[in-house]
Amino acid sequence: MLTHGALLAALAGLQPGADVDQLAFASRLAPADPQAAADLVAFLTSASDPVSR
């Protein structure tokens, strides 16, 4: 569940006006492959952080 929440937060940070329905795929991705979802969260977080660029 933490990975799912982190993934939603990272995606919402990229598109602040995103509707929950637009992010429904995250609810399928996180439990299907938690490690891949966690890796995606790490990537999205670092990609959206201007300090890490």
N, C-alpha and C. Protein backbone atom coordinates (compact mmCIF):
# COMPACT_ATOMS: atom_id res chain seq x y z
N MET A 1 0.82 -1.19 0.00
CA MET A 1 0.00 0.00 0.00
C MET A 1 0.86 1.26 0.00
N LEU A 2 2.01 1.23 0.66
CA LEU A 2 2.88 2.40 0.67
C LEU A 2 3.39 2.72 -0.73
N THR A 3 3.72 1.68 -1.48
CA THR A 3 4.20 1.89 -2.85
C THR A 3 3.10 2.53 -3.69
N HIS A 4 1.88 2.06 -3.53
CA HIS A 4 0.75 2.61 -4.28
C HIS A 4 0.58 4.09 -3.97
N GLY A 5 0.61 4.43 -2.71
CA GLY A 5 0.46 5.83 -2.30
C GLY A 5 1.61 6.69 -2.80
N ALA A 6 2.82 6.17 -2.72
CA ALA A 6 3.98 6.91 -3.20
C ALA A 6 3.92 7.11 -4.71
N LEU A 7 3.46 6.09 -5.41
CA LEU A 7 3.33 6.20 -6.86
C LEU A 7 2.28 7.25 -7.23
N LEU A 8 1.16 7.23 -6.55
CA LEU A 8 0.13 8.25 -6.81
C LEU A 8 0.65 9.65 -6.52
N ALA A 9 1.39 9.80 -5.44
CA ALA A 9 1.94 11.12 -5.09
C ALA A 9 2.93 11.59 -6.14
N ALA A 10 3.80 10.70 -6.60
CA ALA A 10 4.79 11.07 -7.61
C ALA A 10 4.12 11.45 -8.92
N LEU A 11 3.12 10.69 -9.32
CA LEU A 11 2.41 10.99 -10.57
C LEU A 11 1.61 12.29 -10.45
N ALA A 12 0.98 12.49 -9.32
CA ALA A 12 0.20 13.71 -9.11
C ALA A 12 1.11 14.93 -9.09
N GLY A 13 2.34 14.75 -8.62
CA GLY A 13 3.30 15.85 -8.62
C GLY A 13 3.69 16.27 -10.03
N LEU A 14 3.68 15.33 -10.96
CA LEU A 14 4.00 15.65 -12.35
C LEU A 14 2.85 16.35 -13.05
N GLN A 15 1.63 16.01 -12.66
CA GLN A 15 0.44 16.59 -13.28
C GLN A 15 -0.53 16.96 -12.16
N PRO A 16 -0.33 18.12 -11.50
CA PRO A 16 -1.13 18.47 -10.33
C PRO A 16 -2.65 18.44 -10.54
N GLY A 17 -3.13 18.70 -11.72
CA GLY A 17 -4.56 18.72 -11.95
C GLY A 17 -5.14 17.37 -12.35
N ALA A 18 -4.33 16.32 -12.26
CA ALA A 18 -4.78 14.99 -12.70
C ALA A 18 -5.95 14.50 -11.85
N ASP A 19 -6.90 13.90 -12.51
CA ASP A 19 -8.06 13.32 -11.85
C ASP A 19 -7.70 11.92 -11.37
N VAL A 20 -8.32 11.48 -10.29
CA VAL A 20 -8.06 10.15 -9.74
C VAL A 20 -8.29 9.07 -10.80
N ASP A 21 -9.30 9.25 -11.63
CA ASP A 21 -9.58 8.27 -12.67
C ASP A 21 -8.45 8.16 -13.69
N GLN A 22 -7.71 9.25 -13.90
CA GLN A 22 -6.60 9.23 -14.83
C GLN A 22 -5.41 8.43 -14.28
N LEU A 23 -5.39 8.23 -12.99
CA LEU A 23 -4.27 7.53 -12.34
C LEU A 23 -4.65 6.11 -11.92
N ALA A 24 -5.76 5.60 -12.42
CA ALA A 24 -6.24 4.27 -12.02
C ALA A 24 -5.24 3.16 -12.33
N PHE A 25 -4.44 3.35 -13.36
CA PHE A 25 -3.46 2.32 -13.71
C PHE A 25 -2.47 2.07 -12.58
N ALA A 26 -2.23 3.08 -11.73
CA ALA A 26 -1.30 2.90 -10.61
C ALA A 26 -1.80 1.87 -9.62
N SER A 27 -3.12 1.77 -9.48
CA SER A 27 -3.67 0.79 -8.55
C SER A 27 -3.50 -0.63 -9.07
N ARG A 28 -3.29 -0.79 -10.36
CA ARG A 28 -3.01 -2.12 -10.93
C ARG A 28 -1.52 -2.42 -10.95
N LEU A 29 -0.71 -1.40 -11.17
CA LEU A 29 0.73 -1.59 -11.28
C LEU A 29 1.38 -1.94 -9.94
N ALA A 30 1.04 -1.22 -8.90
CA ALA A 30 1.71 -1.40 -7.60
C ALA A 30 1.61 -2.82 -7.07
N PRO A 31 0.43 -3.44 -7.01
CA PRO A 31 0.38 -4.81 -6.49
C PRO A 31 0.90 -5.85 -7.49
N ALA A 32 0.86 -5.54 -8.78
CA ALA A 32 1.32 -6.50 -9.79
C ALA A 32 2.83 -6.70 -9.71
N ASP A 33 3.56 -5.62 -9.51
CA ASP A 33 5.02 -5.70 -9.41
C ASP A 33 5.50 -4.58 -8.48
N PRO A 34 5.45 -4.83 -7.18
CA PRO A 34 5.80 -3.78 -6.21
C PRO A 34 7.20 -3.21 -6.40
N GLN A 35 8.16 -4.04 -6.75
CA GLN A 35 9.53 -3.53 -6.92
C GLN A 35 9.62 -2.60 -8.13
N ALA A 36 8.95 -2.98 -9.22
CA ALA A 36 8.94 -2.11 -10.40
C ALA A 36 8.24 -0.79 -10.08
N ALA A 37 7.17 -0.85 -9.33
CA ALA A 37 6.46 0.37 -8.95
C ALA A 37 7.35 1.24 -8.06
N ALA A 38 8.06 0.64 -7.13
CA ALA A 38 8.97 1.39 -6.26
C ALA A 38 10.10 2.02 -7.07
N ASP A 39 10.62 1.29 -8.04
CA ASP A 39 11.66 1.84 -8.91
C ASP A 39 11.13 3.01 -9.73
N LEU A 40 9.89 2.90 -10.19
CA LEU A 40 9.27 3.98 -10.94
C LEU A 40 9.08 5.21 -10.06
N VAL A 41 8.68 5.01 -8.82
CA VAL A 41 8.54 6.12 -7.87
C VAL A 41 9.88 6.82 -7.69
N ALA A 42 10.93 6.05 -7.51
CA ALA A 42 12.27 6.64 -7.32
C ALA A 42 12.67 7.44 -8.55
N PHE A 43 12.42 6.90 -9.72
CA PHE A 43 12.76 7.59 -10.96
C PHE A 43 11.96 8.88 -11.11
N LEU A 44 10.65 8.80 -10.92
CA LEU A 44 9.80 9.98 -11.06
C LEU A 44 10.16 11.05 -10.05
N THR A 45 10.47 10.63 -8.84
CA THR A 45 10.83 11.58 -7.79
C THR A 45 12.12 12.30 -8.14
N SER A 46 13.12 11.55 -8.60
CA SER A 46 14.39 12.19 -8.95
C SER A 46 14.26 13.03 -10.21
N ALA A 47 13.42 12.61 -11.15
CA ALA A 47 13.25 13.35 -12.39
C ALA A 47 12.51 14.67 -12.16
N SER A 48 11.64 14.72 -11.17
CA SER A 48 10.87 15.93 -10.91
C SER A 48 11.55 16.84 -9.90
N ASP A 49 12.69 16.42 -9.35
CA ASP A 49 13.43 17.21 -8.37
C ASP A 49 14.47 18.05 -9.10
N PRO A 50 14.30 19.38 -9.15
CA PRO A 50 15.24 20.21 -9.90
C PRO A 50 16.67 20.15 -9.34
N VAL A 51 16.84 19.82 -8.08
CA VAL A 51 18.17 19.74 -7.48
C VAL A 51 18.93 18.54 -8.02
N SER A 52 18.24 17.46 -8.35
CA SER A 52 18.92 16.24 -8.80
C SER A 52 19.30 16.29 -10.27
N ARG A 53 18.88 17.31 -10.97
CA ARG A 53 19.21 17.41 -12.40
C ARG A 53 20.55 18.02 -12.61
